[in-house]
Amino acid sequence: MSESEPSRVNPSRVSPTEISLHQKSRLLEIAYSDGFHFKYPCEYLRVFSTAAEVKVMKKPVHSKQQVNISLLDPQGTYALKISFDDGHDTGIYSWSTLHELGKNYEANWQGYLKRLEQHGLSRGDARITDKEGKVVIKLLYFIELAGISGKDEEEVTVPESVTNVETLLIWMRKRGERWQEAFEDNRLQVTVNKQFSEPYTLIEHGDEIAFVPRPK
């Protein structure tokens, strides 16, 4: 989960240097003063909430795969209060706690999945779909891309393998030789619902994705 080479600093003394909430992707991104850099899934922060009522629960928090963060409220210089869109708003996370959650993500997450299985619980629905369980999105093509596709826009049903912008582009490149070249990552600017996207930006039912060629 770390994205950069860290320095050796006492975790209790770390502080954030950058905080970014990517609501569309349900990710909280924090860079720290010791060089660590983590992207926290909102689901992960919710099920590992620091709130007392969560810590005393006998069963793990479940069915939170689609939960999102609705508000970030800094608590002085030592912590961050995180409110979630399911109504949970009593978790206050110190920077050292968030740092440890980032460092120990893999072990924590595997342990959580094991507890879910032991209790016969699930993470909930993986993604938003239509009534038939399909993910239908609208694609907009600009400039020469409209010529390749033969249209300015279309609605398509994407396969289960398409979950984010990165996998959408992989799928688009499989449409043919001209598509493969035109939809290379470095040749496009992709927006999702009129917002600039990242490779990890989630693709969900009802989204509008625009493909704009970058200047050559």
C-alpha atoms as a PDB file:
ATOM      1  CA  MET A   1       0.000   0.000   0.000  1.00  0.00           C
ATOM      2  CA  SER A   2       3.025   2.286   0.429  1.00  0.00           C
ATOM      3  CA  GLU A   3       3.924   4.176  -2.730  1.00  0.00           C
ATOM      4  CA  SER A   4       7.259   5.757  -1.855  1.00  0.00           C
ATOM      5  CA  GLU A   5      10.484   5.012  -0.012  1.00  0.00           C
ATOM      6  CA  PRO A   6       9.904   5.892   3.671  1.00  0.00           C
ATOM      7  CA  SER A   7      12.310   7.309   6.208  1.00  0.00           C
ATOM      8  CA  ARG A   8      12.659   6.021   9.750  1.00  0.00           C
ATOM      9  CA  VAL A   9      10.450   8.252  11.867  1.00  0.00           C
ATOM     10  CA  ASN A  10       8.576   7.381  15.041  1.00  0.00           C
ATOM     11  CA  PRO A  11       4.989   6.671  13.829  1.00  0.00           C
ATOM     12  CA  SER A  12       3.593   8.656  16.766  1.00  0.00           C
ATOM     13  CA  ARG A  13       5.272  11.776  15.372  1.00  0.00           C
ATOM     14  CA  VAL A  14       4.145  11.538  11.774  1.00  0.00           C
ATOM     15  CA  SER A  15       1.921  14.192  10.280  1.00  0.00           C
ATOM     16  CA  PRO A  16       0.133  14.443   6.935  1.00  0.00           C
ATOM     17  CA  THR A  17       1.640  16.497   4.140  1.00  0.00           C
ATOM     18  CA  GLU A  18      -1.221  15.946   1.690  1.00  0.00           C
ATOM     19  CA  ILE A  19      -4.791  14.661   2.026  1.00  0.00           C
ATOM     20  CA  SER A  20      -7.007  13.902  -0.983  1.00  0.00           C
ATOM     21  CA  LEU A  21     -10.477  12.360  -0.977  1.00  0.00           C
ATOM     22  CA  HIS A  22     -11.368  10.581  -4.227  1.00  0.00           C
ATOM     23  CA  GLN A  23     -15.094  10.080  -3.659  1.00  0.00           C
ATOM     24  CA  LYS A  24     -15.815   8.570  -7.070  1.00  0.00           C
ATOM     25  CA  SER A  25     -13.230   5.874  -6.393  1.00  0.00           C
ATOM     26  CA  ARG A  26     -14.089   5.641  -2.686  1.00  0.00           C
ATOM     27  CA  LEU A  27     -10.460   6.233  -1.688  1.00  0.00           C
ATOM     28  CA  LEU A  28      -8.775   8.475   0.882  1.00  0.00           C
ATOM     29  CA  GLU A  29      -5.184   9.299  -0.070  1.00  0.00           C
ATOM     30  CA  ILE A  30      -2.718  10.555   2.547  1.00  0.00           C
ATOM     31  CA  ALA A  31       0.979  11.388   2.195  1.00  0.00           C
ATOM     32  CA  TYR A  32       2.995  11.547   5.425  1.00  0.00           C
ATOM     33  CA  SER A  33       6.023  13.458   6.636  1.00  0.00           C
ATOM     34  CA  ASP A  34       8.100  10.255   6.843  1.00  0.00           C
ATOM     35  CA  GLY A  35       7.695   9.508   3.129  1.00  0.00           C
ATOM     36  CA  PHE A  36       4.895   6.948   3.374  1.00  0.00           C
ATOM     37  CA  HIS A  37       1.966   7.410   1.015  1.00  0.00           C
ATOM     38  CA  PHE A  38      -1.237   5.380   1.322  1.00  0.00           C
ATOM     39  CA  LYS A  39      -4.556   5.039  -0.489  1.00  0.00           C
ATOM     40  CA  TYR A  40      -7.220   3.803   1.937  1.00  0.00           C
ATOM     41  CA  PRO A  41     -10.430   2.241   0.591  1.00  0.00           C
ATOM     42  CA  CYS A  42     -13.391   3.843   2.372  1.00  0.00           C
ATOM     43  CA  GLU A  43     -14.672   0.356   3.180  1.00  0.00           C
ATOM     44  CA  TYR A  44     -11.409  -0.443   4.980  1.00  0.00           C
ATOM     45  CA  LEU A  45     -11.569   2.682   7.137  1.00  0.00           C
ATOM     46  CA  ARG A  46     -15.235   2.049   7.927  1.00  0.00           C
ATOM     47  CA  VAL A  47     -14.830  -1.559   9.064  1.00  0.00           C
ATOM     48  CA  PHE A  48     -11.739  -0.644  11.100  1.00  0.00           C
ATOM     49  CA  SER A  49     -13.430   2.370  12.676  1.00  0.00           C
ATOM     50  CA  THR A  50     -11.882   3.619  15.904  1.00  0.00           C
ATOM     51  CA  ALA A  51     -15.325   4.272  17.421  1.00  0.00           C
ATOM     52  CA  ALA A  52     -15.920   2.535  20.753  1.00  0.00           C
ATOM     53  CA  GLU A  53     -19.207   0.984  19.636  1.00  0.00           C
ATOM     54  CA  VAL A  54     -17.434  -0.696  16.726  1.00  0.00           C
ATOM     55  CA  LYS A  55     -14.549  -2.027  18.803  1.00  0.00           C
ATOM     56  CA  VAL A  56     -16.868  -3.875  21.222  1.00  0.00           C
ATOM     57  CA  MET A  57     -18.921  -5.583  18.501  1.00  0.00           C
ATOM     58  CA  LYS A  58     -18.714  -9.375  18.590  1.00  0.00           C
ATOM     59  CA  LYS A  59     -19.249  -9.655  14.844  1.00  0.00           C
ATOM     60  CA  PRO A  60     -17.271  -7.734  12.231  1.00  0.00           C
ATOM     61  CA  VAL A  61     -18.835  -4.760  10.480  1.00  0.00           C
ATOM     62  CA  HIS A  62     -20.104  -6.044   7.136  1.00  0.00           C
ATOM     63  CA  SER A  63     -21.889  -5.089   3.898  1.00  0.00           C
ATOM     64  CA  LYS A  64     -19.848  -1.898   3.506  1.00  0.00           C
ATOM     65  CA  GLN A  65     -18.289  -2.451   0.092  1.00  0.00           C
ATOM     66  CA  GLN A  66     -20.096   0.583  -1.363  1.00  0.00           C
ATOM     67  CA  VAL A  67     -19.705   2.888   1.638  1.00  0.00           C
ATOM     68  CA  ASN A  68     -18.199   6.308   0.976  1.00  0.00           C
ATOM     69  CA  ILE A  69     -16.770   9.142   3.029  1.00  0.00           C
ATOM     70  CA  SER A  70     -19.116  12.114   3.263  1.00  0.00           C
ATOM     71  CA  LEU A  71     -17.035  14.472   5.420  1.00  0.00           C
ATOM     72  CA  LEU A  72     -13.479  14.900   6.700  1.00  0.00           C
ATOM     73  CA  ASP A  73     -13.144  17.021   9.844  1.00  0.00           C
ATOM     74  CA  PRO A  74      -9.602  17.665  11.178  1.00  0.00           C
ATOM     75  CA  GLN A  75      -9.388  17.492  14.972  1.00  0.00           C
ATOM     76  CA  GLY A  76      -6.698  20.031  15.765  1.00  0.00           C
ATOM     77  CA  THR A  77      -3.325  18.796  14.534  1.00  0.00           C
ATOM     78  CA  TYR A  78      -3.530  15.263  15.881  1.00  0.00           C
ATOM     79  CA  ALA A  79      -6.442  13.454  14.234  1.00  0.00           C
ATOM     80  CA  LEU A  80      -9.121  13.264  11.570  1.00  0.00           C
ATOM     81  CA  LYS A  81     -12.813  12.676  12.202  1.00  0.00           C
ATOM     82  CA  ILE A  82     -14.307  10.702   9.325  1.00  0.00           C
ATOM     83  CA  SER A  83     -18.036  10.664   8.591  1.00  0.00           C
ATOM     84  CA  PHE A  84     -19.421   8.002   6.268  1.00  0.00           C
ATOM     85  CA  ASP A  85     -22.508   8.081   4.083  1.00  0.00           C
ATOM     86  CA  ASP A  86     -24.104   5.199   6.015  1.00  0.00           C
ATOM     87  CA  GLY A  87     -24.515   7.544   8.997  1.00  0.00           C
ATOM     88  CA  HIS A  88     -21.466   6.425  10.980  1.00  0.00           C
ATOM     89  CA  ASP A  89     -19.713   9.574  12.208  1.00  0.00           C
ATOM     90  CA  THR A  90     -18.122   8.779  15.581  1.00  0.00           C
ATOM     91  CA  GLY A  91     -14.723   7.545  14.419  1.00  0.00           C
ATOM     92  CA  ILE A  92     -11.778   9.816  15.221  1.00  0.00           C
ATOM     93  CA  TYR A  93      -8.530   8.564  13.686  1.00  0.00           C
ATOM     94  CA  SER A  94      -5.213   9.883  14.984  1.00  0.00           C
ATOM     95  CA  TRP A  95      -2.510  10.325  12.374  1.00  0.00           C
ATOM     96  CA  SER A  96      -0.501   7.532  13.987  1.00  0.00           C
ATOM     97  CA  THR A  97      -3.541   5.221  13.809  1.00  0.00           C
ATOM     98  CA  LEU A  98      -4.073   6.020  10.136  1.00  0.00           C
ATOM     99  CA  HIS A  99      -0.370   5.503   9.496  1.00  0.00           C
ATOM    100  CA  GLU A 100      -0.490   2.056  11.130  1.00  0.00           C
ATOM    101  CA  LEU A 101      -3.663   1.164   9.222  1.00  0.00           C
ATOM    102  CA  GLY A 102      -1.807   1.976   6.033  1.00  0.00           C
ATOM    103  CA  LYS A 103       1.326   0.006   6.900  1.00  0.00           C
ATOM    104  CA  ASN A 104      -0.644  -3.026   8.060  1.00  0.00           C
ATOM    105  CA  TYR A 105      -3.312  -2.977   5.364  1.00  0.00           C
ATOM    106  CA  GLU A 106      -2.617  -6.393   3.838  1.00  0.00           C
ATOM    107  CA  ALA A 107      -2.572  -8.286   7.147  1.00  0.00           C
ATOM    108  CA  ASN A 108      -5.563  -6.359   8.510  1.00  0.00           C
ATOM    109  CA  TRP A 109      -7.612  -6.907   5.369  1.00  0.00           C
ATOM    110  CA  GLN A 110      -6.924 -10.621   5.105  1.00  0.00           C
ATOM    111  CA  GLY A 111      -7.820 -11.014   8.774  1.00  0.00           C
ATOM    112  CA  TYR A 112     -11.059  -9.113   8.212  1.00  0.00           C
ATOM    113  CA  LEU A 113     -12.040 -11.294   5.237  1.00  0.00           C
ATOM    114  CA  LYS A 114     -11.365 -14.388   7.335  1.00  0.00           C
ATOM    115  CA  ARG A 115     -13.611 -13.100  10.143  1.00  0.00           C
ATOM    116  CA  LEU A 116     -16.393 -12.382   7.657  1.00  0.00           C
ATOM    117  CA  GLU A 117     -16.184 -15.959   6.422  1.00  0.00           C
ATOM    118  CA  GLN A 118     -16.197 -17.354   9.960  1.00  0.00           C
ATOM    119  CA  HIS A 119     -19.397 -15.441  10.762  1.00  0.00           C
ATOM    120  CA  GLY A 120     -21.100 -16.208   7.443  1.00  0.00           C
ATOM    121  CA  LEU A 121     -21.143 -12.532   6.470  1.00  0.00           C
ATOM    122  CA  SER A 122     -20.276 -10.703   3.254  1.00  0.00           C
ATOM    123  CA  ARG A 123     -18.939  -7.369   2.080  1.00  0.00           C
ATOM    124  CA  GLY A 124     -22.237  -6.609   0.328  1.00  0.00           C
ATOM    125  CA  ASP A 125     -22.895  -5.770  -3.309  1.00  0.00           C
ATOM    126  CA  ALA A 126     -19.720  -5.244  -5.294  1.00  0.00           C
ATOM    127  CA  ARG A 127     -21.093  -2.515  -7.545  1.00  0.00           C
ATOM    128  CA  ILE A 128     -24.178  -0.601  -8.606  1.00  0.00           C
ATOM    129  CA  THR A 129     -26.092  -2.255 -11.459  1.00  0.00           C
ATOM    130  CA  ASP A 130     -29.444  -2.026 -13.200  1.00  0.00           C
ATOM    131  CA  LYS A 131     -32.380  -4.297 -12.322  1.00  0.00           C
ATOM    132  CA  GLU A 132     -30.929  -7.057 -14.483  1.00  0.00           C
ATOM    133  CA  GLY A 133     -27.547  -6.908 -12.781  1.00  0.00           C
ATOM    134  CA  LYS A 134     -25.880  -5.171 -15.730  1.00  0.00           C
ATOM    135  CA  VAL A 135     -23.568  -2.170 -15.765  1.00  0.00           C
ATOM    136  CA  VAL A 136     -24.608   0.162 -18.584  1.00  0.00           C
ATOM    137  CA  ILE A 137     -22.550   3.277 -19.271  1.00  0.00           C
ATOM    138  CA  LYS A 138     -22.595   6.092 -21.818  1.00  0.00           C
ATOM    139  CA  LEU A 139     -19.485   6.678 -23.931  1.00  0.00           C
ATOM    140  CA  LEU A 140     -18.754  10.009 -25.630  1.00  0.00           C
ATOM    141  CA  TYR A 141     -16.207  10.222 -28.461  1.00  0.00           C
ATOM    142  CA  PHE A 142     -14.491  13.446 -29.507  1.00  0.00           C
ATOM    143  CA  ILE A 143     -12.582  14.527 -32.620  1.00  0.00           C
ATOM    144  CA  GLU A 144     -11.006  11.580 -34.499  1.00  0.00           C
ATOM    145  CA  LEU A 145     -12.371   9.070 -32.011  1.00  0.00           C
ATOM    146  CA  ALA A 146     -15.850   9.742 -33.374  1.00  0.00           C
ATOM    147  CA  GLY A 147     -14.590   8.653 -36.784  1.00  0.00           C
ATOM    148  CA  ILE A 148     -13.157   5.428 -35.408  1.00  0.00           C
ATOM    149  CA  SER A 149     -16.340   4.547 -33.551  1.00  0.00           C
ATOM    150  CA  GLY A 150     -18.657   5.774 -36.308  1.00  0.00           C
ATOM    151  CA  LYS A 151     -20.694   7.757 -33.799  1.00  0.00           C
ATOM    152  CA  ASP A 152     -20.419  10.577 -31.280  1.00  0.00           C
ATOM    153  CA  GLU A 153     -21.860   8.585 -28.399  1.00  0.00           C
ATOM    154  CA  GLU A 154     -23.246   5.197 -27.472  1.00  0.00           C
ATOM    155  CA  GLU A 155     -24.530   3.196 -24.530  1.00  0.00           C
ATOM    156  CA  VAL A 156     -22.728  -0.063 -23.816  1.00  0.00           C
ATOM    157  CA  THR A 157     -23.000  -2.880 -21.305  1.00  0.00           C
ATOM    158  CA  VAL A 158     -19.561  -3.581 -19.894  1.00  0.00           C
ATOM    159  CA  PRO A 159     -18.364  -6.999 -18.702  1.00  0.00           C
ATOM    160  CA  GLU A 160     -17.570  -7.738 -15.055  1.00  0.00           C
ATOM    161  CA  SER A 161     -13.875  -7.285 -15.797  1.00  0.00           C
ATOM    162  CA  VAL A 162     -14.419  -3.560 -16.364  1.00  0.00           C
ATOM    163  CA  THR A 163     -14.332  -1.963 -12.932  1.00  0.00           C
ATOM    164  CA  ASN A 164     -12.302   1.220 -13.405  1.00  0.00           C
ATOM    165  CA  VAL A 165     -10.848   3.489 -16.078  1.00  0.00           C
ATOM    166  CA  GLU A 166      -7.768   1.313 -16.528  1.00  0.00           C
ATOM    167  CA  THR A 167      -9.759  -1.854 -17.240  1.00  0.00           C
ATOM    168  CA  LEU A 168     -12.229   0.094 -19.404  1.00  0.00           C
ATOM    169  CA  LEU A 169      -9.405   1.207 -21.695  1.00  0.00           C
ATOM    170  CA  ILE A 170      -8.082  -2.355 -21.888  1.00  0.00           C
ATOM    171  CA  TRP A 171     -11.550  -3.490 -22.964  1.00  0.00           C
ATOM    172  CA  MET A 172     -11.887  -0.670 -25.499  1.00  0.00           C
ATOM    173  CA  ARG A 173      -8.568  -1.571 -27.129  1.00  0.00           C
ATOM    174  CA  LYS A 174      -9.887  -5.058 -27.858  1.00  0.00           C
ATOM    175  CA  ARG A 175     -12.471  -3.655 -30.284  1.00  0.00           C
ATOM    176  CA  GLY A 176     -10.049  -3.652 -33.194  1.00  0.00           C
ATOM    177  CA  GLU A 177      -6.701  -2.554 -34.550  1.00  0.00           C
ATOM    178  CA  ARG A 178      -7.602   1.133 -34.877  1.00  0.00           C
ATOM    179  CA  TRP A 179      -9.105   1.092 -31.399  1.00  0.00           C
ATOM    180  CA  GLN A 180      -5.956  -0.447 -29.936  1.00  0.00           C
ATOM    181  CA  GLU A 181      -3.807   2.447 -31.088  1.00  0.00           C
ATOM    182  CA  ALA A 182      -6.289   5.242 -30.425  1.00  0.00           C
ATOM    183  CA  PHE A 183      -7.085   4.115 -26.874  1.00  0.00           C
ATOM    184  CA  GLU A 184      -3.538   3.831 -25.571  1.00  0.00           C
ATOM    185  CA  ASP A 185      -3.341   5.362 -22.089  1.00  0.00           C
ATOM    186  CA  ASN A 186      -1.001   8.199 -23.055  1.00  0.00           C
ATOM    187  CA  ARG A 187      -3.100   9.285 -26.041  1.00  0.00           C
ATOM    188  CA  LEU A 188      -6.321  10.070 -24.177  1.00  0.00           C
ATOM    189  CA  GLN A 189      -7.805  12.298 -21.544  1.00  0.00           C
ATOM    190  CA  VAL A 190     -10.674  10.450 -19.877  1.00  0.00           C
ATOM    191  CA  THR A 191     -13.399  12.111 -17.830  1.00  0.00           C
ATOM    192  CA  VAL A 192     -16.028  10.346 -15.757  1.00  0.00           C
ATOM    193  CA  ASN A 193     -19.223  12.293 -15.151  1.00  0.00           C
ATOM    194  CA  LYS A 194     -17.424  15.425 -16.407  1.00  0.00           C
ATOM    195  CA  GLN A 195     -14.599  15.060 -13.863  1.00  0.00           C
ATOM    196  CA  PHE A 196     -10.979  14.275 -14.713  1.00  0.00           C
ATOM    197  CA  SER A 197     -10.217  10.665 -13.882  1.00  0.00           C
ATOM    198  CA  GLU A 198      -7.353   8.494 -12.675  1.00  0.00           C
ATOM    199  CA  PRO A 199      -6.687   4.893 -13.775  1.00  0.00           C
ATOM    200  CA  TYR A 200      -8.273   3.713 -10.515  1.00  0.00           C
ATOM    201  CA  THR A 201     -11.463   5.804 -10.908  1.00  0.00           C
ATOM    202  CA  LEU A 202     -14.388   3.412 -10.553  1.00  0.00           C
ATOM    203  CA  ILE A 203     -16.770   2.711 -13.419  1.00  0.00           C
ATOM    204  CA  GLU A 204     -20.368   2.184 -12.286  1.00  0.00           C
ATOM    205  CA  HIS A 205     -23.821   1.818 -13.789  1.00  0.00           C
ATOM    206  CA  GLY A 206     -25.098   5.080 -15.243  1.00  0.00           C
ATOM    207  CA  ASP A 207     -21.697   6.736 -15.584  1.00  0.00           C
ATOM    208  CA  GLU A 208     -20.879   9.004 -18.517  1.00  0.00           C
ATOM    209  CA  ILE A 209     -17.340   8.576 -19.838  1.00  0.00           C
ATOM    210  CA  ALA A 210     -15.805  10.983 -22.339  1.00  0.00           C
ATOM    211  CA  PHE A 211     -12.705  10.207 -24.404  1.00  0.00           C
ATOM    212  CA  VAL A 212     -10.744  13.213 -25.655  1.00  0.00           C
ATOM    213  CA  PRO A 213      -7.532  12.759 -27.691  1.00  0.00           C
ATOM    214  CA  ARG A 214      -4.497  14.516 -26.252  1.00  0.00           C
ATOM    215  CA  PRO A 215      -2.791  17.051 -28.542  1.00  0.00           C
ATOM    216  CA  LYS A 216      -0.091  15.403 -30.625  1.00  0.00           C
END
